[in-house]
C-alpha atoms as a PDB file:
ATOM      1  CA  MET A   1     125.792  65.489 126.439  1.00  0.00           C
ATOM      2  CA  PHE A   2     125.011  66.058 122.753  1.00  0.00           C
ATOM      3  CA  GLY A   3     121.449  64.828 123.171  1.00  0.00           C
ATOM      4  CA  ARG A   4     122.540  61.238 123.672  1.00  0.00           C
ATOM      5  CA  GLN A   5     120.203  60.350 126.559  1.00  0.00           C
ATOM      6  CA  PRO A   6     117.335  61.697 128.704  1.00  0.00           C
ATOM      7  CA  LEU A   7     118.654  63.922 131.491  1.00  0.00           C
ATOM      8  CA  SER A   8     117.457  63.770 135.091  1.00  0.00           C
ATOM      9  CA  GLU A   9     120.705  64.325 137.021  1.00  0.00           C
ATOM     10  CA  PRO A  10     123.566  66.798 136.606  1.00  0.00           C
ATOM     11  CA  GLN A  11     126.060  65.722 133.968  1.00  0.00           C
ATOM     12  CA  THR A  12     129.618  65.177 135.170  1.00  0.00           C
ATOM     13  CA  ILE A  13     132.356  66.095 132.709  1.00  0.00           C
ATOM     14  CA  GLY A  14     136.002  65.169 133.063  1.00  0.00           C
ATOM     15  CA  PHE A  15     138.757  67.267 131.529  1.00  0.00           C
ATOM     16  CA  LEU A  16     142.160  65.640 131.075  1.00  0.00           C
ATOM     17  CA  LEU A  17     144.743  68.439 130.942  1.00  0.00           C
ATOM     18  CA  THR A  18     147.994  67.538 129.205  1.00  0.00           C
ATOM     19  CA  PRO A  19     151.175  69.635 129.508  1.00  0.00           C
ATOM     20  CA  GLN A  20     151.062  72.889 127.509  1.00  0.00           C
ATOM     21  CA  PHE A  21     147.340  72.575 126.845  1.00  0.00           C
ATOM     22  CA  SER A  22     145.574  75.493 125.172  1.00  0.00           C
ATOM     23  CA  MET A  23     144.051  77.637 127.892  1.00  0.00           C
ATOM     24  CA  ILE A  24     141.728  79.541 125.562  1.00  0.00           C
ATOM     25  CA  ALA A  25     140.285  76.294 124.187  1.00  0.00           C
ATOM     26  CA  PHE A  26     139.861  74.827 127.676  1.00  0.00           C
ATOM     27  CA  THR A  27     138.151  77.905 129.099  1.00  0.00           C
ATOM     28  CA  ALA A  28     135.978  78.206 125.977  1.00  0.00           C
ATOM     29  CA  ALA A  29     134.813  74.657 126.700  1.00  0.00           C
ATOM     30  CA  ILE A  30     134.148  75.019 130.418  1.00  0.00           C
ATOM     31  CA  GLU A  31     132.673  78.540 130.631  1.00  0.00           C
ATOM     32  CA  PRO A  32     129.466  77.743 128.684  1.00  0.00           C
ATOM     33  CA  LEU A  33     128.791  74.971 131.205  1.00  0.00           C
ATOM     34  CA  ARG A  34     129.210  77.350 134.145  1.00  0.00           C
ATOM     35  CA  SER A  35     127.037  79.945 132.455  1.00  0.00           C
ATOM     36  CA  ALA A  36     124.321  77.373 131.715  1.00  0.00           C
ATOM     37  CA  ASN A  37     124.182  76.472 135.398  1.00  0.00           C
ATOM     38  CA  ARG A  38     123.884  80.128 136.355  1.00  0.00           C
ATOM     39  CA  ILE A  39     121.137  80.917 133.859  1.00  0.00           C
ATOM     40  CA  ALA A  40     119.175  77.741 134.629  1.00  0.00           C
ATOM     41  CA  ARG A  41     119.582  78.416 138.386  1.00  0.00           C
ATOM     42  CA  LYS A  42     120.445  74.794 138.995  1.00  0.00           C
ATOM     43  CA  THR A  43     123.341  72.430 138.402  1.00  0.00           C
ATOM     44  CA  LEU A  44     123.090  71.050 134.896  1.00  0.00           C
ATOM     45  CA  PHE A  45     126.828  70.377 134.649  1.00  0.00           C
ATOM     46  CA  GLN A  46     129.618  69.616 137.084  1.00  0.00           C
ATOM     47  CA  TRP A  47     133.221  68.912 136.219  1.00  0.00           C
ATOM     48  CA  ASP A  48     136.562  67.663 137.464  1.00  0.00           C
ATOM     49  CA  LEU A  49     140.078  68.327 136.187  1.00  0.00           C
ATOM     50  CA  TYR A  50     142.500  65.431 135.775  1.00  0.00           C
ATOM     51  CA  THR A  51     146.108  64.927 134.840  1.00  0.00           C
ATOM     52  CA  ILE A  52     147.619  61.569 134.033  1.00  0.00           C
ATOM     53  CA  ASP A  53     149.650  61.608 137.274  1.00  0.00           C
ATOM     54  CA  GLY A  54     147.426  63.803 139.452  1.00  0.00           C
ATOM     55  CA  GLN A  55     150.082  66.523 139.610  1.00  0.00           C
ATOM     56  CA  PRO A  56     149.633  70.210 138.682  1.00  0.00           C
ATOM     57  CA  VAL A  57     150.054  71.046 135.001  1.00  0.00           C
ATOM     58  CA  ARG A  58     150.934  74.232 133.126  1.00  0.00           C
ATOM     59  CA  ALA A  59     149.044  75.543 130.133  1.00  0.00           C
ATOM     60  CA  SER A  60     150.874  76.800 127.057  1.00  0.00           C
ATOM     61  CA  ASN A  61     150.746  80.331 128.525  1.00  0.00           C
ATOM     62  CA  ASP A  62     152.564  79.010 131.647  1.00  0.00           C
ATOM     63  CA  VAL A  63     149.552  79.347 133.984  1.00  0.00           C
ATOM     64  CA  GLN A  64     149.536  76.409 136.398  1.00  0.00           C
ATOM     65  CA  PHE A  65     146.404  74.382 137.173  1.00  0.00           C
ATOM     66  CA  ASN A  66     145.895  71.992 140.069  1.00  0.00           C
ATOM     67  CA  ALA A  67     144.211  68.704 139.238  1.00  0.00           C
ATOM     68  CA  ASP A  68     141.251  67.323 141.151  1.00  0.00           C
ATOM     69  CA  GLY A  69     142.776  63.907 140.754  1.00  0.00           C
ATOM     70  CA  GLN A  70     144.732  61.397 138.708  1.00  0.00           C
ATOM     71  CA  LEU A  71     142.992  59.980 135.656  1.00  0.00           C
ATOM     72  CA  LEU A  72     142.290  56.319 136.305  1.00  0.00           C
ATOM     73  CA  GLU A  73     140.104  53.724 134.633  1.00  0.00           C
ATOM     74  CA  THR A  74     137.931  53.926 137.760  1.00  0.00           C
ATOM     75  CA  SER A  75     137.416  57.708 137.468  1.00  0.00           C
ATOM     76  CA  LYS A  76     133.755  58.690 137.475  1.00  0.00           C
ATOM     77  CA  PHE A  77     132.247  60.989 134.832  1.00  0.00           C
ATOM     78  CA  ASP A  78     129.715  60.896 132.013  1.00  0.00           C
ATOM     79  CA  ILE A  79     132.159  62.056 129.343  1.00  0.00           C
ATOM     80  CA  LEU A  80     135.859  62.902 129.180  1.00  0.00           C
ATOM     81  CA  PHE A  81     137.493  65.617 127.087  1.00  0.00           C
ATOM     82  CA  VAL A  82     141.241  65.558 126.408  1.00  0.00           C
ATOM     83  CA  CYS A  83     142.658  69.100 126.350  1.00  0.00           C
ATOM     84  CA  SER A  84     145.995  69.569 124.611  1.00  0.00           C
ATOM     85  CA  GLY A  85     147.854  72.374 122.886  1.00  0.00           C
ATOM     86  CA  VAL A  86     151.286  73.058 121.477  1.00  0.00           C
ATOM     87  CA  ARG A  87     153.698  70.158 121.026  1.00  0.00           C
ATOM     88  CA  ALA A  88     150.910  67.665 121.646  1.00  0.00           C
ATOM     89  CA  TYR A  89     152.928  64.825 120.103  1.00  0.00           C
ATOM     90  CA  ASP A  90     155.690  65.286 122.702  1.00  0.00           C
ATOM     91  CA  HIS A  91     153.280  64.307 125.465  1.00  0.00           C
ATOM     92  CA  LEU A  92     151.873  61.094 124.000  1.00  0.00           C
ATOM     93  CA  ASN A  93     152.548  58.066 126.184  1.00  0.00           C
ATOM     94  CA  LYS A  94     151.396  54.491 126.752  1.00  0.00           C
ATOM     95  CA  LYS A  95     150.014  55.199 130.209  1.00  0.00           C
ATOM     96  CA  THR A  96     147.535  57.769 128.893  1.00  0.00           C
ATOM     97  CA  SER A  97     146.566  55.544 125.967  1.00  0.00           C
ATOM     98  CA  ASN A  98     145.957  52.562 128.233  1.00  0.00           C
ATOM     99  CA  VAL A  99     143.713  54.523 130.607  1.00  0.00           C
ATOM    100  CA  LEU A 100     141.708  56.016 127.734  1.00  0.00           C
ATOM    101  CA  ARG A 101     141.206  52.579 126.179  1.00  0.00           C
ATOM    102  CA  ALA A 102     140.059  51.209 129.521  1.00  0.00           C
ATOM    103  CA  LEU A 103     137.516  54.012 129.843  1.00  0.00           C
ATOM    104  CA  THR A 104     136.104  53.296 126.390  1.00  0.00           C
ATOM    105  CA  ARG A 105     135.668  49.648 127.325  1.00  0.00           C
ATOM    106  CA  LYS A 106     133.438  50.901 130.132  1.00  0.00           C
ATOM    107  CA  GLY A 107     131.362  52.819 127.598  1.00  0.00           C
ATOM    108  CA  ILE A 108     132.613  56.320 128.456  1.00  0.00           C
ATOM    109  CA  PRO A 109     132.251  58.746 125.503  1.00  0.00           C
ATOM    110  CA  LEU A 110     135.417  60.657 124.678  1.00  0.00           C
ATOM    111  CA  GLY A 111     136.059  64.080 123.259  1.00  0.00           C
ATOM    112  CA  SER A 112     138.966  66.377 122.596  1.00  0.00           C
ATOM    113  CA  VAL A 113     139.741  70.066 122.559  1.00  0.00           C
ATOM    114  CA  CYS A 114     142.335  71.628 120.243  1.00  0.00           C
ATOM    115  CA  THR A 115     145.096  69.033 119.671  1.00  0.00           C
ATOM    116  CA  GLY A 116     143.616  66.495 122.087  1.00  0.00           C
ATOM    117  CA  SER A 117     142.613  64.539 118.984  1.00  0.00           C
ATOM    118  CA  ALA A 118     146.254  63.453 118.701  1.00  0.00           C
ATOM    119  CA  THR A 119     146.028  61.812 122.135  1.00  0.00           C
ATOM    120  CA  LEU A 120     142.879  59.935 121.145  1.00  0.00           C
ATOM    121  CA  ALA A 121     144.408  58.932 117.806  1.00  0.00           C
ATOM    122  CA  GLU A 122     147.548  57.607 119.485  1.00  0.00           C
ATOM    123  CA  ALA A 123     145.337  55.333 121.597  1.00  0.00           C
ATOM    124  CA  GLY A 124     143.568  54.100 118.456  1.00  0.00           C
ATOM    125  CA  LEU A 125     140.284  55.604 119.608  1.00  0.00           C
ATOM    126  CA  LEU A 126     139.479  57.662 116.495  1.00  0.00           C
ATOM    127  CA  ASN A 127     139.681  54.801 114.015  1.00  0.00           C
ATOM    128  CA  GLY A 128     136.419  54.654 112.101  1.00  0.00           C
ATOM    129  CA  TYR A 129     135.234  58.064 113.359  1.00  0.00           C
ATOM    130  CA  ARG A 130     135.138  61.477 111.722  1.00  0.00           C
ATOM    131  CA  CYS A 131     137.423  63.800 113.646  1.00  0.00           C
ATOM    132  CA  THR A 132     138.973  67.216 113.502  1.00  0.00           C
ATOM    133  CA  ILE A 133     141.928  69.088 114.990  1.00  0.00           C
ATOM    134  CA  HIS A 134     143.351  72.607 114.821  1.00  0.00           C
ATOM    135  CA  TRP A 135     144.091  73.528 111.202  1.00  0.00           C
ATOM    136  CA  GLU A 136     147.830  73.857 111.918  1.00  0.00           C
ATOM    137  CA  ASN A 137     147.895  70.185 112.904  1.00  0.00           C
ATOM    138  CA  ILE A 138     145.727  68.598 110.208  1.00  0.00           C
ATOM    139  CA  GLU A 139     148.724  67.707 108.012  1.00  0.00           C
ATOM    140  CA  SER A 140     150.747  66.251 110.865  1.00  0.00           C
ATOM    141  CA  LEU A 141     147.822  64.201 112.202  1.00  0.00           C
ATOM    142  CA  ALA A 142     147.166  62.798 108.726  1.00  0.00           C
ATOM    143  CA  GLU A 143     150.834  61.963 108.284  1.00  0.00           C
ATOM    144  CA  ARG A 144     151.063  60.112 111.613  1.00  0.00           C
ATOM    145  CA  TYR A 145     147.680  58.368 111.353  1.00  0.00           C
ATOM    146  CA  PRO A 146     146.908  58.023 107.630  1.00  0.00           C
ATOM    147  CA  ARG A 147     143.739  55.949 108.132  1.00  0.00           C
ATOM    148  CA  LEU A 148     141.875  58.638 110.073  1.00  0.00           C
ATOM    149  CA  ASP A 149     138.893  60.442 108.573  1.00  0.00           C
ATOM    150  CA  ILE A 150     140.042  64.002 109.359  1.00  0.00           C
ATOM    151  CA  THR A 151     137.941  67.042 108.447  1.00  0.00           C
ATOM    152  CA  SER A 152     138.612  70.777 108.648  1.00  0.00           C
ATOM    153  CA  SER A 153     135.329  71.432 110.469  1.00  0.00           C
ATOM    154  CA  LEU A 154     135.092  73.488 113.647  1.00  0.00           C
ATOM    155  CA  PHE A 155     134.023  70.386 115.538  1.00  0.00           C
ATOM    156  CA  GLU A 156     132.806  66.870 114.845  1.00  0.00           C
ATOM    157  CA  ALA A 157     130.207  64.860 116.739  1.00  0.00           C
ATOM    158  CA  ASP A 158     130.333  61.267 115.493  1.00  0.00           C
ATOM    159  CA  ARG A 159     128.486  58.786 117.719  1.00  0.00           C
ATOM    160  CA  ASN A 160     130.442  58.770 121.010  1.00  0.00           C
ATOM    161  CA  ARG A 161     133.436  60.800 119.803  1.00  0.00           C
ATOM    162  CA  PHE A 162     133.391  64.597 119.998  1.00  0.00           C
ATOM    163  CA  THR A 163     136.446  66.385 118.637  1.00  0.00           C
ATOM    164  CA  CYS A 164     137.045  70.102 118.428  1.00  0.00           C
ATOM    165  CA  SER A 165     139.517  72.170 116.450  1.00  0.00           C
ATOM    166  CA  GLY A 166     140.409  74.474 119.338  1.00  0.00           C
ATOM    167  CA  GLY A 167     140.221  78.141 120.230  1.00  0.00           C
ATOM    168  CA  LEU A 168     136.687  79.500 120.395  1.00  0.00           C
ATOM    169  CA  ALA A 169     135.432  76.501 118.434  1.00  0.00           C
ATOM    170  CA  ALA A 170     135.291  74.756 121.813  1.00  0.00           C
ATOM    171  CA  MET A 171     132.546  77.217 122.754  1.00  0.00           C
ATOM    172  CA  ASP A 172     130.643  76.394 119.566  1.00  0.00           C
ATOM    173  CA  MET A 173     130.855  72.694 120.406  1.00  0.00           C
ATOM    174  CA  MET A 174     129.550  73.186 123.946  1.00  0.00           C
ATOM    175  CA  LEU A 175     126.749  75.503 122.814  1.00  0.00           C
ATOM    176  CA  HIS A 176     125.767  72.837 120.290  1.00  0.00           C
ATOM    177  CA  SER A 177     125.610  70.278 123.098  1.00  0.00           C
ATOM    178  CA  ILE A 178     123.599  72.595 125.373  1.00  0.00           C
ATOM    179  CA  ARG A 179     121.109  73.176 122.558  1.00  0.00           C
ATOM    180  CA  LEU A 180     120.675  69.427 121.989  1.00  0.00           C
ATOM    181  CA  ASP A 181     120.328  68.665 125.700  1.00  0.00           C
ATOM    182  CA  TYR A 182     118.374  71.637 127.031  1.00  0.00           C
ATOM    183  CA  GLY A 183     117.022  73.537 124.022  1.00  0.00           C
ATOM    184  CA  ARG A 184     117.907  76.419 121.760  1.00  0.00           C
ATOM    185  CA  GLU A 185     116.672  79.097 124.173  1.00  0.00           C
ATOM    186  CA  LEU A 186     119.173  78.185 126.877  1.00  0.00           C
ATOM    187  CA  ALA A 187     122.010  77.891 124.356  1.00  0.00           C
ATOM    188  CA  MET A 188     121.259  81.379 123.004  1.00  0.00           C
ATOM    189  CA  LYS A 189     121.053  82.836 126.506  1.00  0.00           C
ATOM    190  CA  VAL A 190     124.438  81.342 127.332  1.00  0.00           C
ATOM    191  CA  ALA A 191     125.952  82.800 124.159  1.00  0.00           C
ATOM    192  CA  ASP A 192     124.383  86.176 124.860  1.00  0.00           C
ATOM    193  CA  GLN A 193     125.699  86.172 128.421  1.00  0.00           C
ATOM    194  CA  MET A 194     129.226  85.665 127.079  1.00  0.00           C
ATOM    195  CA  LEU A 195     128.812  88.343 124.381  1.00  0.00           C
ATOM    196  CA  TYR A 196     129.333  85.637 121.780  1.00  0.00           C
ATOM    197  CA  SER A 197     127.630  85.597 118.422  1.00  0.00           C
ATOM    198  CA  ALA A 198     126.523  81.975 118.365  1.00  0.00           C
ATOM    199  CA  GLY A 199     125.419  80.101 115.317  1.00  0.00           C
ATOM    200  CA  ARG A 200     128.458  78.351 113.899  1.00  0.00           C
ATOM    201  CA  SER A 201     127.669  74.765 112.993  1.00  0.00           C
ATOM    202  CA  PRO A 202     129.936  71.685 112.974  1.00  0.00           C
ATOM    203  CA  GLU A 203     130.296  72.012 109.202  1.00  0.00           C
ATOM    204  CA  ASP A 204     131.693  75.550 109.313  1.00  0.00           C
ATOM    205  CA  LEU A 205     135.354  75.695 108.371  1.00  0.00           C
ATOM    206  CA  GLN A 206     138.049  76.681 110.854  1.00  0.00           C
ATOM    207  CA  ARG A 207     140.063  79.262 108.959  1.00  0.00           C
ATOM    208  CA  MET A 208     138.870  82.762 108.218  1.00  0.00           C
ATOM    209  CA  GLU A 209     137.941  83.655 104.681  1.00  0.00           C
ATOM    210  CA  ILE A 210     140.844  84.778 102.519  1.00  0.00           C
ATOM    211  CA  THR A 211     139.666  88.383 102.511  1.00  0.00           C
ATOM    212  CA  LYS A 212     139.756  88.498 106.333  1.00  0.00           C
ATOM    213  CA  ARG A 213     143.169  86.863 106.543  1.00  0.00           C
ATOM    214  CA  THR A 214     144.832  89.033 103.913  1.00  0.00           C
ATOM    215  CA  GLY A 215     142.778  92.222 103.781  1.00  0.00           C
ATOM    216  CA  VAL A 216     142.314  91.679 100.046  1.00  0.00           C
ATOM    217  CA  THR A 217     138.892  92.521  98.635  1.00  0.00           C
ATOM    218  CA  HIS A 218     139.449  92.426  94.857  1.00  0.00           C
ATOM    219  CA  PRO A 219     137.537  89.357  93.569  1.00  0.00           C
ATOM    220  CA  LYS A 220     140.202  88.431  90.993  1.00  0.00           C
ATOM    221  CA  MET A 221     142.945  88.483  93.607  1.00  0.00           C
ATOM    222  CA  LEU A 222     140.863  86.429  95.998  1.00  0.00           C
ATOM    223  CA  ALA A 223     140.388  83.850  93.266  1.00  0.00           C
ATOM    224  CA  VAL A 224     144.138  83.770  92.529  1.00  0.00           C
ATOM    225  CA  ILE A 225     145.031  83.273  96.205  1.00  0.00           C
ATOM    226  CA  GLY A 226     142.445  80.510  96.436  1.00  0.00           C
ATOM    227  CA  TYR A 227     144.090  78.723  93.499  1.00  0.00           C
ATOM    228  CA  MET A 228     147.501  79.153  95.114  1.00  0.00           C
ATOM    229  CA  GLU A 229     146.370  77.636  98.418  1.00  0.00           C
ATOM    230  CA  ALA A 230     144.807  74.699  96.585  1.00  0.00           C
ATOM    231  CA  HIS A 231     148.014  73.973  94.616  1.00  0.00           C
ATOM    232  CA  ILE A 232     150.844  73.864  97.156  1.00  0.00           C
ATOM    233  CA  GLU A 233     152.245  70.418  96.383  1.00  0.00           C
ATOM    234  CA  GLN A 234     151.972  70.890  92.625  1.00  0.00           C
ATOM    235  CA  PRO A 235     152.342  74.629  91.980  1.00  0.00           C
ATOM    236  CA  ILE A 236     150.900  76.103  88.814  1.00  0.00           C
ATOM    237  CA  THR A 237     152.525  78.857  86.786  1.00  0.00           C
ATOM    238  CA  ILE A 238     151.756  82.526  87.244  1.00  0.00           C
ATOM    239  CA  ALA A 239     150.614  82.677  83.610  1.00  0.00           C
ATOM    240  CA  ARG A 240     148.125  79.869  84.216  1.00  0.00           C
ATOM    241  CA  LEU A 241     146.851  81.534  87.386  1.00  0.00           C
ATOM    242  CA  ALA A 242     146.099  84.652  85.352  1.00  0.00           C
ATOM    243  CA  ARG A 243     144.282  82.610  82.712  1.00  0.00           C
ATOM    244  CA  GLU A 244     142.233  80.740  85.328  1.00  0.00           C
ATOM    245  CA  VAL A 245     140.751  83.971  86.697  1.00  0.00           C
ATOM    246  CA  GLY A 246     140.457  85.770  83.363  1.00  0.00           C
ATOM    247  CA  ILE A 247     143.030  88.559  83.664  1.00  0.00           C
ATOM    248  CA  SER A 248     146.394  89.261  82.085  1.00  0.00           C
ATOM    249  CA  GLN A 249     149.588  88.402  83.912  1.00  0.00           C
ATOM    250  CA  ARG A 250     150.588  92.050  83.942  1.00  0.00           C
ATOM    251  CA  GLN A 251     147.252  93.072  85.460  1.00  0.00           C
ATOM    252  CA  MET A 252     147.630  90.400  88.150  1.00  0.00           C
ATOM    253  CA  GLU A 253     151.118  91.664  89.004  1.00  0.00           C
ATOM    254  CA  ARG A 254     149.806  95.229  89.327  1.00  0.00           C
ATOM    255  CA  LEU A 255     147.044  94.038  91.666  1.00  0.00           C
ATOM    256  CA  PHE A 256     149.477  92.212  93.952  1.00  0.00           C
ATOM    257  CA  LYS A 257     151.762  95.235  93.999  1.00  0.00           C
ATOM    258  CA  SER A 258     148.976  97.653  94.932  1.00  0.00           C
ATOM    259  CA  GLU A 259     147.103  95.390  97.376  1.00  0.00           C
ATOM    260  CA  LEU A 260     149.920  93.473  99.102  1.00  0.00           C
ATOM    261  CA  SER A 261     153.152  95.266  98.083  1.00  0.00           C
ATOM    262  CA  THR A 262     154.600  92.058  96.679  1.00  0.00           C
ATOM    263  CA  THR A 263     154.625  89.978  93.509  1.00  0.00           C
ATOM    264  CA  PRO A 264     152.448  86.948  92.767  1.00  0.00           C
ATOM    265  CA  THR A 265     155.563  84.786  92.622  1.00  0.00           C
ATOM    266  CA  GLN A 266     156.809  85.920  96.037  1.00  0.00           C
ATOM    267  CA  PHE A 267     153.379  85.586  97.636  1.00  0.00           C
ATOM    268  CA  TYR A 268     152.985  82.060  96.256  1.00  0.00           C
ATOM    269  CA  ASN A 269     156.458  81.097  97.411  1.00  0.00           C
ATOM    270  CA  ASP A 270     155.739  82.425 100.915  1.00  0.00           C
ATOM    271  CA  LEU A 271     152.564  80.312 101.105  1.00  0.00           C
ATOM    272  CA  ARG A 272     154.526  77.189 100.215  1.00  0.00           C
ATOM    273  CA  LEU A 273     157.291  77.971 102.716  1.00  0.00           C
ATOM    274  CA  GLU A 274     154.751  78.565 105.502  1.00  0.00           C
ATOM    275  CA  LYS A 275     153.330  75.128 104.774  1.00  0.00           C
ATOM    276  CA  ALA A 276     156.859  73.671 104.827  1.00  0.00           C
ATOM    277  CA  ARG A 277     157.517  75.298 108.196  1.00  0.00           C
ATOM    278  CA  THR A 278     154.432  73.647 109.676  1.00  0.00           C
ATOM    279  CA  LEU A 279     155.445  70.236 108.324  1.00  0.00           C
ATOM    280  CA  LEU A 280     158.978  70.593 109.687  1.00  0.00           C
ATOM    281  CA  ARG A 281     157.702  71.496 113.139  1.00  0.00           C
ATOM    282  CA  GLN A 282     154.938  68.938 113.437  1.00  0.00           C
ATOM    283  CA  THR A 283     155.798  65.878 111.370  1.00  0.00           C
ATOM    284  CA  GLY A 284     158.607  63.389 110.980  1.00  0.00           C
ATOM    285  CA  LEU A 285     158.850  63.901 107.221  1.00  0.00           C
ATOM    286  CA  GLY A 286     162.390  64.148 105.878  1.00  0.00           C
ATOM    287  CA  ILE A 287     163.698  67.388 104.359  1.00  0.00           C
ATOM    288  CA  GLN A 288     163.342  65.956 100.853  1.00  0.00           C
ATOM    289  CA  GLU A 289     159.785  64.828 101.590  1.00  0.00           C
ATOM    290  CA  VAL A 290     158.839  68.269 102.890  1.00  0.00           C
ATOM    291  CA  ALA A 291     160.375  69.818  99.796  1.00  0.00           C
ATOM    292  CA  VAL A 292     158.280  67.590  97.533  1.00  0.00           C
ATOM    293  CA  ALA A 293     155.124  68.206  99.597  1.00  0.00           C
ATOM    294  CA  THR A 294     155.508  71.950  99.049  1.00  0.00           C
ATOM    295  CA  GLY A 295     156.366  71.864  95.371  1.00  0.00           C
ATOM    296  CA  TYR A 296     160.170  72.087  95.337  1.00  0.00           C
ATOM    297  CA  ASN A 297     161.982  69.837  92.895  1.00  0.00           C
ATOM    298  CA  THR A 298     165.215  69.588  94.853  1.00  0.00           C
ATOM    299  CA  ALA A 299     166.134  69.758  98.519  1.00  0.00           C
ATOM    300  CA  SER A 300     168.950  72.192  97.736  1.00  0.00           C
ATOM    301  CA  TYR A 301     166.625  74.740  96.102  1.00  0.00           C
ATOM    302  CA  PHE A 302     164.156  74.273  98.931  1.00  0.00           C
ATOM    303  CA  THR A 303     166.883  74.881 101.536  1.00  0.00           C
ATOM    304  CA  LYS A 304     168.075  78.005  99.715  1.00  0.00           C
ATOM    305  CA  SER A 305     164.545  79.406  99.496  1.00  0.00           C
ATOM    306  CA  TYR A 306     163.855  78.574 103.138  1.00  0.00           C
ATOM    307  CA  ARG A 307     167.028  80.279 104.344  1.00  0.00           C
ATOM    308  CA  THR A 308     166.207  83.373 102.319  1.00  0.00           C
ATOM    309  CA  ARG A 309     162.702  83.533 103.822  1.00  0.00           C
ATOM    310  CA  TYR A 310     163.428  82.652 107.467  1.00  0.00           C
ATOM    311  CA  GLY A 311     167.154  83.246 107.940  1.00  0.00           C
ATOM    312  CA  HIS A 312     167.971  79.621 108.751  1.00  0.00           C
ATOM    313  CA  THR A 313     167.804  76.211 107.096  1.00  0.00           C
ATOM    314  CA  PRO A 314     164.987  73.655 107.266  1.00  0.00           C
ATOM    315  CA  ARG A 315     167.264  71.439 109.350  1.00  0.00           C
ATOM    316  CA  ASP A 316     167.806  74.266 111.839  1.00  0.00           C
ATOM    317  CA  GLU A 317     164.020  74.768 111.992  1.00  0.00           C
ATOM    318  CA  ARG A 318     163.476  71.150 112.929  1.00  0.00           C
ATOM    319  CA  GLU A 319     166.250  71.103 115.537  1.00  0.00           C
ATOM    320  CA  ASN A 320     164.948  74.296 117.155  1.00  0.00           C
ATOM    321  CA  ALA A 321     161.410  72.935 117.209  1.00  0.00           C
END
C-alpha cells in the first residue's frame, strides 16, 4: 500500500478491532478497498479482521463484529491497521503492545484509524514518526506521550507508519493509497462510486472552518473567534481582541449579540470550558492543571464556572467519564 512496492499479487490488509472502535472510521477505511476490487474486476485487496483474543467485539455504536482470528505475531498480512474509538486509553494493554512490537520486528508496516494511534503510541511504535489522531484526542495523546510528533492533519504517511484522524478521513487515506498504488483514475472512480468528493490531501486540517462550525460569516467575528481559539491557555482581554481585528469593543459586542445571541465574554468562556471538559475526560491532568491549561487562575473559580456551564463540578465530570 501507499506506493511502497511493485504490486503483482492482491494486497492483504489486517484490521485490529479494539473494543468500542469507531464504526464509521472502520467502514470508511474498508469500503474503498471493496469498491476498488469491484471497479477493477479483480482482487486488488483482501482483508481479515482481528481482535487481540479472537473473540467478537462491539463498536462504539454497540454493533457486534466477529473476528476472523486472534492477532498473533505469526498472523499473515501486508499491513495492519489498528481501529479504535471512544475510551481508547481504557483498552491499552501489554499483550497488544507486545504483539504489535513483534510484528514490526518482522517488518510489517502499521497504521491506525481514529484513536488507534494511542495503541501504537503505547507500544512505542510512533516514536520518531509524524502521526495524527482525532482532534478531540490530540491534547490527551500529547499529554501521555510528550515526545511524539503529532499533527492535526487528516492523515499522515511517514515511511512505514500510516495514521488517520478518523471519521471520513479514513476514506481519504485509502483513496490516497489507491492512487499511489493503482493510479489516479481508479481512485477517482472509487470516490465517484461512493458519491464522495475526493481530493483532500494529508495536509488538510481535520476541523471544519470556523464559519461552518458556527454559522458566522462576518469577517471581523471570524477573526475574533480565531484569536480566541488560539489563546485558550493564556486568554486575552475583550478590549485587546477588538483592537486586534480593528473594531470597537461595543461594535464587537453588537456583532456577537446579533450573530450568536451571546456576548464575547460568554462565548470565550464556553470555548475554554469545552477544552477543559475534553482534558478532564481524556487525560490524567489534575483539576488545578486543567484550570491552568484553560486560563483559570484558581481551581475554585474554574470549578464555579464549570458548574455554572455544565451543572456539575470538574471532579464529577472526571468520575462520570
